[in-house]
N, C-alpha and C. Protein backbone atom coordinates (compact mmCIF):
# COMPACT_ATOMS: atom_id res chain seq x y z
N MET A 1 110.58 81.25 102.08
CA MET A 1 110.53 82.65 101.68
C MET A 1 109.28 82.85 100.81
N ASN A 2 108.21 83.38 101.35
CA ASN A 2 106.96 83.56 100.65
C ASN A 2 106.72 85.00 100.22
N LYS A 3 107.72 85.79 100.19
CA LYS A 3 107.57 87.20 99.85
C LYS A 3 107.43 87.36 98.34
N SER A 4 106.46 88.15 97.89
CA SER A 4 106.27 88.41 96.46
C SER A 4 107.30 89.42 96.00
N GLU A 5 107.95 89.10 94.92
CA GLU A 5 108.96 89.99 94.35
C GLU A 5 108.32 90.90 93.31
N LYS A 6 109.12 91.77 92.70
CA LYS A 6 108.61 92.68 91.69
C LYS A 6 108.30 91.92 90.41
N TYR A 7 107.76 92.64 89.42
CA TYR A 7 107.35 92.01 88.18
C TYR A 7 108.57 91.51 87.41
N ILE A 8 108.56 90.23 87.10
CA ILE A 8 109.65 89.59 86.36
C ILE A 8 109.03 88.85 85.18
N GLY A 9 109.02 89.44 84.01
CA GLY A 9 108.53 88.76 82.82
C GLY A 9 107.14 89.21 82.41
N ASN A 10 106.68 88.64 81.30
CA ASN A 10 105.38 88.99 80.71
C ASN A 10 104.56 87.73 80.47
N LEU A 11 103.27 87.85 80.66
CA LEU A 11 102.31 86.84 80.24
C LEU A 11 101.60 87.42 79.03
N ASN A 12 101.86 86.87 77.86
CA ASN A 12 101.31 87.40 76.61
C ASN A 12 100.00 86.69 76.28
N ILE A 13 98.94 87.46 76.12
CA ILE A 13 97.63 86.91 75.80
C ILE A 13 97.30 87.26 74.37
N GLY A 14 97.18 86.26 73.53
CA GLY A 14 96.81 86.45 72.14
C GLY A 14 95.34 86.16 71.94
N LYS A 15 94.91 86.07 70.68
CA LYS A 15 93.51 85.79 70.41
C LYS A 15 93.10 84.39 70.82
N LYS A 16 94.02 83.43 70.70
CA LYS A 16 93.68 82.06 71.04
C LYS A 16 94.72 81.36 71.91
N SER A 17 95.81 82.03 72.25
CA SER A 17 96.86 81.35 73.01
C SER A 17 97.42 82.25 74.10
N VAL A 18 98.01 81.62 75.11
CA VAL A 18 98.65 82.31 76.22
C VAL A 18 100.08 81.80 76.31
N SER A 19 101.05 82.73 76.31
CA SER A 19 102.45 82.34 76.40
C SER A 19 103.14 83.15 77.49
N LEU A 20 104.28 82.63 77.94
CA LEU A 20 105.02 83.23 79.03
C LEU A 20 106.40 83.63 78.54
N ASP A 21 106.83 84.82 78.92
CA ASP A 21 108.14 85.33 78.52
C ASP A 21 108.89 85.73 79.79
N THR A 22 109.75 84.81 80.28
CA THR A 22 110.50 85.07 81.50
C THR A 22 111.79 84.25 81.51
N ASP A 23 112.75 84.65 82.35
CA ASP A 23 114.01 83.93 82.50
C ASP A 23 114.01 83.01 83.72
N ILE A 24 112.96 83.04 84.51
CA ILE A 24 112.91 82.30 85.76
C ILE A 24 112.57 80.84 85.50
N ASN A 25 113.29 79.94 86.14
CA ASN A 25 112.97 78.52 86.09
C ASN A 25 111.89 78.25 87.14
N TYR A 26 110.65 78.27 86.74
CA TYR A 26 109.53 78.19 87.67
C TYR A 26 109.16 76.73 87.95
N GLN A 27 108.47 76.54 89.07
CA GLN A 27 107.94 75.24 89.43
C GLN A 27 106.42 75.21 89.24
N ALA A 28 105.78 76.38 89.40
CA ALA A 28 104.33 76.46 89.24
C ALA A 28 103.95 77.85 88.76
N ILE A 29 102.77 77.92 88.13
CA ILE A 29 102.21 79.18 87.66
C ILE A 29 100.78 79.25 88.18
N GLU A 30 100.43 80.37 88.81
CA GLU A 30 99.07 80.59 89.29
C GLU A 30 98.48 81.74 88.50
N ILE A 31 97.36 81.49 87.80
CA ILE A 31 96.71 82.49 86.95
C ILE A 31 95.29 82.70 87.46
N GLU A 32 94.93 83.95 87.71
CA GLU A 32 93.56 84.31 88.09
C GLU A 32 92.92 85.01 86.91
N TYR A 33 91.64 84.69 86.64
CA TYR A 33 90.96 85.27 85.50
C TYR A 33 89.50 85.55 85.83
N MET A 34 88.86 86.31 84.94
CA MET A 34 87.43 86.60 85.05
C MET A 34 86.78 86.13 83.77
N GLY A 35 85.49 85.90 83.79
CA GLY A 35 84.77 85.49 82.60
C GLY A 35 84.79 83.99 82.43
N SER A 36 84.52 83.55 81.20
CA SER A 36 84.49 82.12 80.92
C SER A 36 85.56 81.80 79.89
N MET A 37 86.36 80.80 80.20
CA MET A 37 87.45 80.41 79.33
C MET A 37 87.65 78.91 79.49
N SER A 38 87.82 78.21 78.36
CA SER A 38 88.11 76.78 78.43
C SER A 38 89.43 76.51 77.73
N ILE A 39 90.27 75.69 78.35
CA ILE A 39 91.58 75.36 77.82
C ILE A 39 91.42 74.24 76.81
N THR A 40 92.01 74.42 75.61
CA THR A 40 91.84 73.43 74.55
C THR A 40 93.09 72.63 74.25
N SER A 41 94.25 73.01 74.76
CA SER A 41 95.47 72.25 74.50
C SER A 41 96.04 71.71 75.79
N LEU A 42 96.85 70.67 75.67
CA LEU A 42 97.45 70.04 76.83
C LEU A 42 98.96 70.23 76.82
N LEU A 43 99.55 70.32 77.99
CA LEU A 43 100.99 70.41 78.14
C LEU A 43 101.59 69.00 78.18
N PRO A 44 102.91 68.86 78.13
CA PRO A 44 103.52 67.52 78.21
C PRO A 44 103.19 66.79 79.51
N ASN A 45 103.61 65.53 79.59
CA ASN A 45 103.25 64.66 80.72
C ASN A 45 103.81 65.12 82.05
N ASN A 46 104.93 65.85 82.07
CA ASN A 46 105.50 66.25 83.35
C ASN A 46 104.88 67.54 83.89
N TYR A 47 103.75 67.98 83.34
CA TYR A 47 103.01 69.15 83.81
C TYR A 47 101.59 68.75 84.18
N ILE A 48 101.06 69.38 85.20
CA ILE A 48 99.66 69.21 85.58
C ILE A 48 98.98 70.56 85.44
N VAL A 49 97.85 70.58 84.76
CA VAL A 49 97.04 71.79 84.62
C VAL A 49 95.74 71.56 85.35
N SER A 50 95.45 72.41 86.31
CA SER A 50 94.22 72.30 87.09
C SER A 50 93.47 73.61 86.99
N LYS A 51 92.21 73.52 86.58
CA LYS A 51 91.38 74.72 86.43
C LYS A 51 90.31 74.66 87.50
N GLY A 52 90.26 75.69 88.33
CA GLY A 52 89.28 75.74 89.40
C GLY A 52 88.39 76.95 89.27
N LEU A 53 87.91 77.43 90.38
CA LEU A 53 87.02 78.58 90.41
C LEU A 53 87.81 79.85 90.12
N LYS A 54 87.80 80.27 88.85
CA LYS A 54 88.46 81.49 88.37
C LYS A 54 89.97 81.46 88.56
N LYS A 55 90.55 80.25 88.65
CA LYS A 55 92.00 80.12 88.77
C LYS A 55 92.47 78.97 87.89
N ILE A 56 93.67 79.13 87.36
CA ILE A 56 94.34 78.06 86.62
C ILE A 56 95.69 77.85 87.29
N LEU A 57 95.99 76.62 87.61
CA LEU A 57 97.24 76.28 88.26
C LEU A 57 98.00 75.31 87.36
N ILE A 58 99.22 75.67 86.99
CA ILE A 58 100.09 74.83 86.16
C ILE A 58 101.29 74.46 87.01
N VAL A 59 101.50 73.17 87.23
CA VAL A 59 102.57 72.69 88.10
C VAL A 59 103.49 71.78 87.30
N LYS A 60 104.79 72.02 87.41
CA LYS A 60 105.80 71.18 86.78
C LYS A 60 106.22 70.12 87.79
N LEU A 61 106.11 68.83 87.42
CA LEU A 61 106.39 67.75 88.34
C LEU A 61 107.87 67.41 88.44
N SER A 62 108.64 67.69 87.40
CA SER A 62 110.06 67.34 87.42
C SER A 62 110.89 68.55 87.86
N LYS A 63 112.13 68.29 88.25
CA LYS A 63 113.03 69.35 88.71
C LYS A 63 113.98 69.82 87.61
N ASP A 64 113.71 69.46 86.36
CA ASP A 64 114.63 69.82 85.28
C ASP A 64 114.54 71.31 84.96
N ASN A 65 115.48 71.79 84.17
CA ASN A 65 115.54 73.21 83.82
C ASN A 65 114.75 73.54 82.56
N ASN A 66 114.09 72.56 81.97
CA ASN A 66 113.29 72.82 80.77
C ASN A 66 111.96 73.44 81.17
N VAL A 67 111.70 74.61 80.66
CA VAL A 67 110.43 75.28 80.93
C VAL A 67 109.71 75.50 79.60
N ILE A 68 108.42 75.47 79.66
CA ILE A 68 107.60 75.67 78.47
C ILE A 68 107.09 77.10 78.49
N ASN A 69 107.25 77.79 77.38
CA ASN A 69 106.79 79.17 77.29
C ASN A 69 105.40 79.29 76.69
N ASP A 70 105.03 78.40 75.75
CA ASP A 70 103.67 78.39 75.20
C ASP A 70 102.81 77.56 76.14
N LEU A 71 102.02 78.23 76.96
CA LEU A 71 101.31 77.54 78.03
C LEU A 71 100.09 76.77 77.55
N PHE A 72 99.14 77.46 76.92
CA PHE A 72 97.93 76.78 76.47
C PHE A 72 97.21 77.61 75.43
N THR A 73 96.31 76.95 74.71
CA THR A 73 95.37 77.64 73.83
C THR A 73 94.00 77.56 74.50
N TYR A 74 93.14 78.48 74.16
CA TYR A 74 91.86 78.58 74.86
C TYR A 74 90.75 78.98 73.91
N LYS A 75 89.53 78.79 74.38
CA LYS A 75 88.32 79.31 73.73
C LYS A 75 87.61 80.15 74.76
N GLY A 76 87.00 81.22 74.31
CA GLY A 76 86.28 82.09 75.22
C GLY A 76 86.98 83.42 75.37
N LEU A 77 86.76 84.05 76.49
CA LEU A 77 87.30 85.38 76.75
C LEU A 77 88.36 85.28 77.84
N ALA A 78 89.61 85.60 77.50
CA ALA A 78 90.71 85.51 78.46
C ALA A 78 90.94 86.86 79.11
N VAL A 79 90.23 87.12 80.19
CA VAL A 79 90.43 88.33 80.96
C VAL A 79 91.24 87.93 82.19
N ILE A 80 92.54 87.85 82.00
CA ILE A 80 93.43 87.41 83.07
C ILE A 80 93.79 88.62 83.92
N THR A 81 93.60 88.49 85.23
CA THR A 81 93.81 89.62 86.13
C THR A 81 95.13 89.55 86.88
N LYS A 82 95.59 88.34 87.24
CA LYS A 82 96.84 88.19 87.99
C LYS A 82 97.58 86.95 87.51
N CYS A 83 98.89 87.01 87.61
CA CYS A 83 99.72 85.85 87.29
C CYS A 83 100.94 85.86 88.20
N LYS A 84 101.23 84.71 88.82
CA LYS A 84 102.38 84.58 89.71
C LYS A 84 103.17 83.35 89.31
N LEU A 85 104.48 83.47 89.35
CA LEU A 85 105.38 82.34 89.19
C LEU A 85 105.87 81.93 90.56
N ILE A 86 105.97 80.62 90.78
CA ILE A 86 106.45 80.12 92.06
C ILE A 86 107.63 79.20 91.77
N LYS A 87 108.76 79.50 92.41
CA LYS A 87 109.95 78.67 92.24
C LYS A 87 109.92 77.50 93.22
N SER A 88 110.88 76.61 93.11
CA SER A 88 110.91 75.43 93.97
C SER A 88 111.17 75.79 95.43
N ASP A 89 111.79 76.94 95.71
CA ASP A 89 112.00 77.36 97.10
C ASP A 89 110.82 78.18 97.64
N LEU A 90 109.70 78.15 96.92
CA LEU A 90 108.43 78.81 97.27
C LEU A 90 108.50 80.34 97.22
N SER A 91 109.48 80.89 96.55
CA SER A 91 109.50 82.34 96.34
C SER A 91 108.57 82.66 95.18
N LYS A 92 107.82 83.75 95.32
CA LYS A 92 106.80 84.13 94.34
C LYS A 92 107.26 85.35 93.56
N TYR A 93 106.92 85.35 92.29
CA TYR A 93 107.25 86.47 91.40
C TYR A 93 106.00 86.87 90.63
N ASN A 94 105.68 88.15 90.63
CA ASN A 94 104.55 88.65 89.86
C ASN A 94 104.95 88.77 88.40
N ILE A 95 104.01 88.51 87.52
CA ILE A 95 104.21 88.58 86.08
C ILE A 95 103.30 89.65 85.52
N TYR A 96 103.84 90.49 84.66
CA TYR A 96 103.06 91.54 84.00
C TYR A 96 102.18 90.90 82.93
N ILE A 97 100.92 91.29 82.86
CA ILE A 97 99.99 90.74 81.88
C ILE A 97 99.96 91.66 80.67
N ASN A 98 100.33 91.12 79.52
CA ASN A 98 100.48 91.89 78.29
C ASN A 98 99.42 91.46 77.30
N LYS A 99 98.43 92.33 77.06
CA LYS A 99 97.40 92.06 76.06
C LYS A 99 97.75 92.77 74.78
N LEU A 100 97.48 92.13 73.69
CA LEU A 100 97.77 92.73 72.40
C LEU A 100 96.77 93.83 72.09
N GLY A 101 97.24 94.93 71.49
CA GLY A 101 96.36 96.03 71.12
C GLY A 101 95.31 95.61 70.11
N LEU A 102 95.64 94.64 69.27
CA LEU A 102 94.70 94.17 68.27
C LEU A 102 93.50 93.51 68.91
N GLU A 103 93.71 92.83 70.04
CA GLU A 103 92.61 92.18 70.73
C GLU A 103 91.63 93.21 71.28
N PHE A 104 92.15 94.32 71.83
CA PHE A 104 91.27 95.38 72.30
C PHE A 104 90.49 95.98 71.14
N TRP A 105 91.15 96.13 70.00
CA TRP A 105 90.48 96.70 68.83
C TRP A 105 89.36 95.78 68.36
N ASP A 106 89.58 94.46 68.43
CA ASP A 106 88.56 93.50 68.04
C ASP A 106 87.36 93.55 68.99
N ARG A 107 87.60 93.82 70.27
CA ARG A 107 86.49 93.87 71.22
C ARG A 107 85.54 95.02 70.90
N PHE A 108 86.07 96.10 70.33
CA PHE A 108 85.23 97.22 69.96
C PHE A 108 84.69 97.07 68.54
N ASN A 109 84.86 95.90 67.95
CA ASN A 109 84.41 95.60 66.59
C ASN A 109 85.00 96.56 65.57
N GLY A 110 86.21 97.00 65.81
CA GLY A 110 86.90 97.85 64.86
C GLY A 110 86.41 99.28 64.85
N GLU A 111 85.62 99.69 65.83
CA GLU A 111 85.09 101.05 65.86
C GLU A 111 85.68 101.81 67.04
N TRP A 112 86.49 102.78 66.74
CA TRP A 112 87.09 103.61 67.78
C TRP A 112 86.36 104.94 67.89
N ASP A 113 85.31 105.15 67.10
CA ASP A 113 84.65 106.45 67.04
C ASP A 113 84.03 106.87 68.36
N PHE A 114 83.51 105.90 69.12
CA PHE A 114 82.83 106.27 70.36
C PHE A 114 83.79 106.52 71.51
N ASN A 115 85.06 106.22 71.35
CA ASN A 115 86.05 106.51 72.40
C ASN A 115 86.38 108.00 72.38
N THR A 116 86.52 108.57 73.54
CA THR A 116 86.77 110.00 73.64
C THR A 116 87.66 110.28 74.85
N SER A 117 88.29 111.43 74.82
CA SER A 117 89.08 111.85 75.98
C SER A 117 88.46 113.06 76.65
N ASN A 118 87.34 113.55 76.15
CA ASN A 118 86.65 114.71 76.73
C ASN A 118 85.53 114.23 77.65
N TYR A 119 85.50 114.76 78.85
CA TYR A 119 84.48 114.37 79.81
C TYR A 119 83.09 114.77 79.34
N GLU A 120 82.98 115.88 78.64
CA GLU A 120 81.68 116.38 78.19
C GLU A 120 81.03 115.45 77.17
N ASP A 121 81.83 114.64 76.48
CA ASP A 121 81.29 113.75 75.45
C ASP A 121 80.72 112.46 76.02
N LEU A 122 80.95 112.20 77.30
CA LEU A 122 80.50 110.95 77.90
C LEU A 122 79.04 111.06 78.30
N ASN A 123 78.28 109.96 78.10
CA ASN A 123 76.88 109.96 78.49
C ASN A 123 76.63 109.03 79.67
N PHE A 124 77.65 108.66 80.39
CA PHE A 124 77.53 107.78 81.54
C PHE A 124 77.22 108.61 82.78
N ASP A 125 76.11 108.30 83.43
CA ASP A 125 75.71 109.07 84.60
C ASP A 125 76.06 108.37 85.91
N GLY A 126 76.79 107.28 85.84
CA GLY A 126 77.19 106.60 87.05
C GLY A 126 76.32 105.43 87.43
N ASN A 127 75.20 105.25 86.75
CA ASN A 127 74.29 104.15 87.07
C ASN A 127 73.61 103.68 85.79
N ASN A 128 74.21 102.74 85.12
CA ASN A 128 73.61 102.23 83.89
C ASN A 128 72.52 101.20 84.16
N ASN A 129 72.44 100.67 85.36
CA ASN A 129 71.46 99.64 85.68
C ASN A 129 70.28 100.25 86.43
N LYS A 130 69.66 101.23 85.84
CA LYS A 130 68.51 101.84 86.51
C LYS A 130 67.31 100.91 86.43
N LYS A 131 66.63 100.78 87.56
CA LYS A 131 65.47 99.90 87.63
C LYS A 131 64.25 100.74 87.96
N LYS A 132 63.16 100.39 87.33
CA LYS A 132 61.92 101.11 87.59
C LYS A 132 61.28 100.56 88.86
N PHE A 133 60.71 101.46 89.65
CA PHE A 133 60.00 101.05 90.84
C PHE A 133 58.79 101.97 91.02
N GLN A 134 57.84 101.49 91.78
CA GLN A 134 56.63 102.25 92.02
C GLN A 134 56.79 103.05 93.31
N TYR A 135 56.68 104.37 93.19
CA TYR A 135 56.81 105.27 94.32
C TYR A 135 55.41 105.60 94.83
N LYS A 136 55.18 105.39 96.13
CA LYS A 136 53.88 105.68 96.73
C LYS A 136 54.05 106.77 97.77
N LYS A 137 53.13 107.72 97.73
CA LYS A 137 53.14 108.81 98.70
C LYS A 137 51.70 109.05 99.15
N THR A 138 51.50 109.09 100.44
CA THR A 138 50.17 109.33 101.00
C THR A 138 50.12 110.73 101.57
N VAL A 139 49.14 111.53 101.11
CA VAL A 139 48.97 112.90 101.58
C VAL A 139 47.52 113.09 102.03
N TYR A 140 47.34 114.06 102.89
CA TYR A 140 45.99 114.39 103.36
C TYR A 140 45.42 115.51 102.51
N ASP A 141 44.28 115.26 101.89
CA ASP A 141 43.61 116.25 101.05
C ASP A 141 42.57 116.97 101.92
N GLU A 142 42.78 118.28 102.12
CA GLU A 142 41.90 119.04 103.00
C GLU A 142 40.54 119.31 102.37
N ASP A 143 40.44 119.33 101.05
CA ASP A 143 39.15 119.58 100.40
C ASP A 143 38.19 118.41 100.60
N THR A 144 38.69 117.21 100.50
CA THR A 144 37.83 116.03 100.64
C THR A 144 37.90 115.40 102.02
N ASN A 145 38.81 115.90 102.86
CA ASN A 145 39.03 115.39 104.21
C ASN A 145 39.35 113.89 104.20
N GLN A 146 40.22 113.51 103.27
CA GLN A 146 40.63 112.11 103.14
C GLN A 146 42.14 112.02 102.90
N TYR A 147 42.66 110.83 103.15
CA TYR A 147 44.04 110.55 102.76
C TYR A 147 44.03 110.02 101.33
N VAL A 148 44.91 110.56 100.52
CA VAL A 148 45.00 110.16 99.12
C VAL A 148 46.40 109.58 98.87
N THR A 149 46.45 108.42 98.19
CA THR A 149 47.73 107.79 97.86
C THR A 149 48.05 108.09 96.40
N ILE A 150 49.22 108.66 96.21
CA ILE A 150 49.70 108.98 94.87
C ILE A 150 50.72 107.92 94.48
N LYS A 151 50.54 107.32 93.29
CA LYS A 151 51.46 106.30 92.80
C LYS A 151 52.07 106.79 91.50
N GLU A 152 53.39 106.67 91.39
CA GLU A 152 54.06 107.00 90.14
C GLU A 152 55.26 106.09 89.95
N ILE A 153 55.64 105.89 88.70
CA ILE A 153 56.77 105.02 88.38
C ILE A 153 58.00 105.89 88.23
N ARG A 154 59.06 105.54 88.98
CA ARG A 154 60.32 106.26 88.93
C ARG A 154 61.44 105.30 88.58
N GLU A 155 62.57 105.87 88.23
CA GLU A 155 63.75 105.04 87.96
C GLU A 155 64.74 105.20 89.09
N LYS A 156 65.22 104.10 89.56
CA LYS A 156 66.15 104.10 90.70
C LYS A 156 67.56 103.96 90.20
């Protein structure tokens, strides 16, 4: 049964640690993330933690009912996008990702002044990565009977 079920539980992301809050006796946890993050703590011997390309896989080797809720501590930026629990019968359960409001406040360096709910206050034009390029246009000048190339720098 490989069908994904509805959200069961929370993955809590703190400033330095990640913990799991669920009632499910899981066999594995699959976490997808963005950015750079390094795991600094280790789980007990009956768990394997494997970190790959933007994924973390935590597998429990034993069939016991003991589950660990404090998963790991980390350094870096934990931008976790998806989390799934997998039971021993291979049924998958999605986990809601819960970030603390204090962490968002820290990302803005404690300044909420630039946040707004009015569209008129925004200065984003849809393209913040404008690149300069040289625009060339060739026109025929009737006074001199020649082709003239006009060069100007524009932003793309």
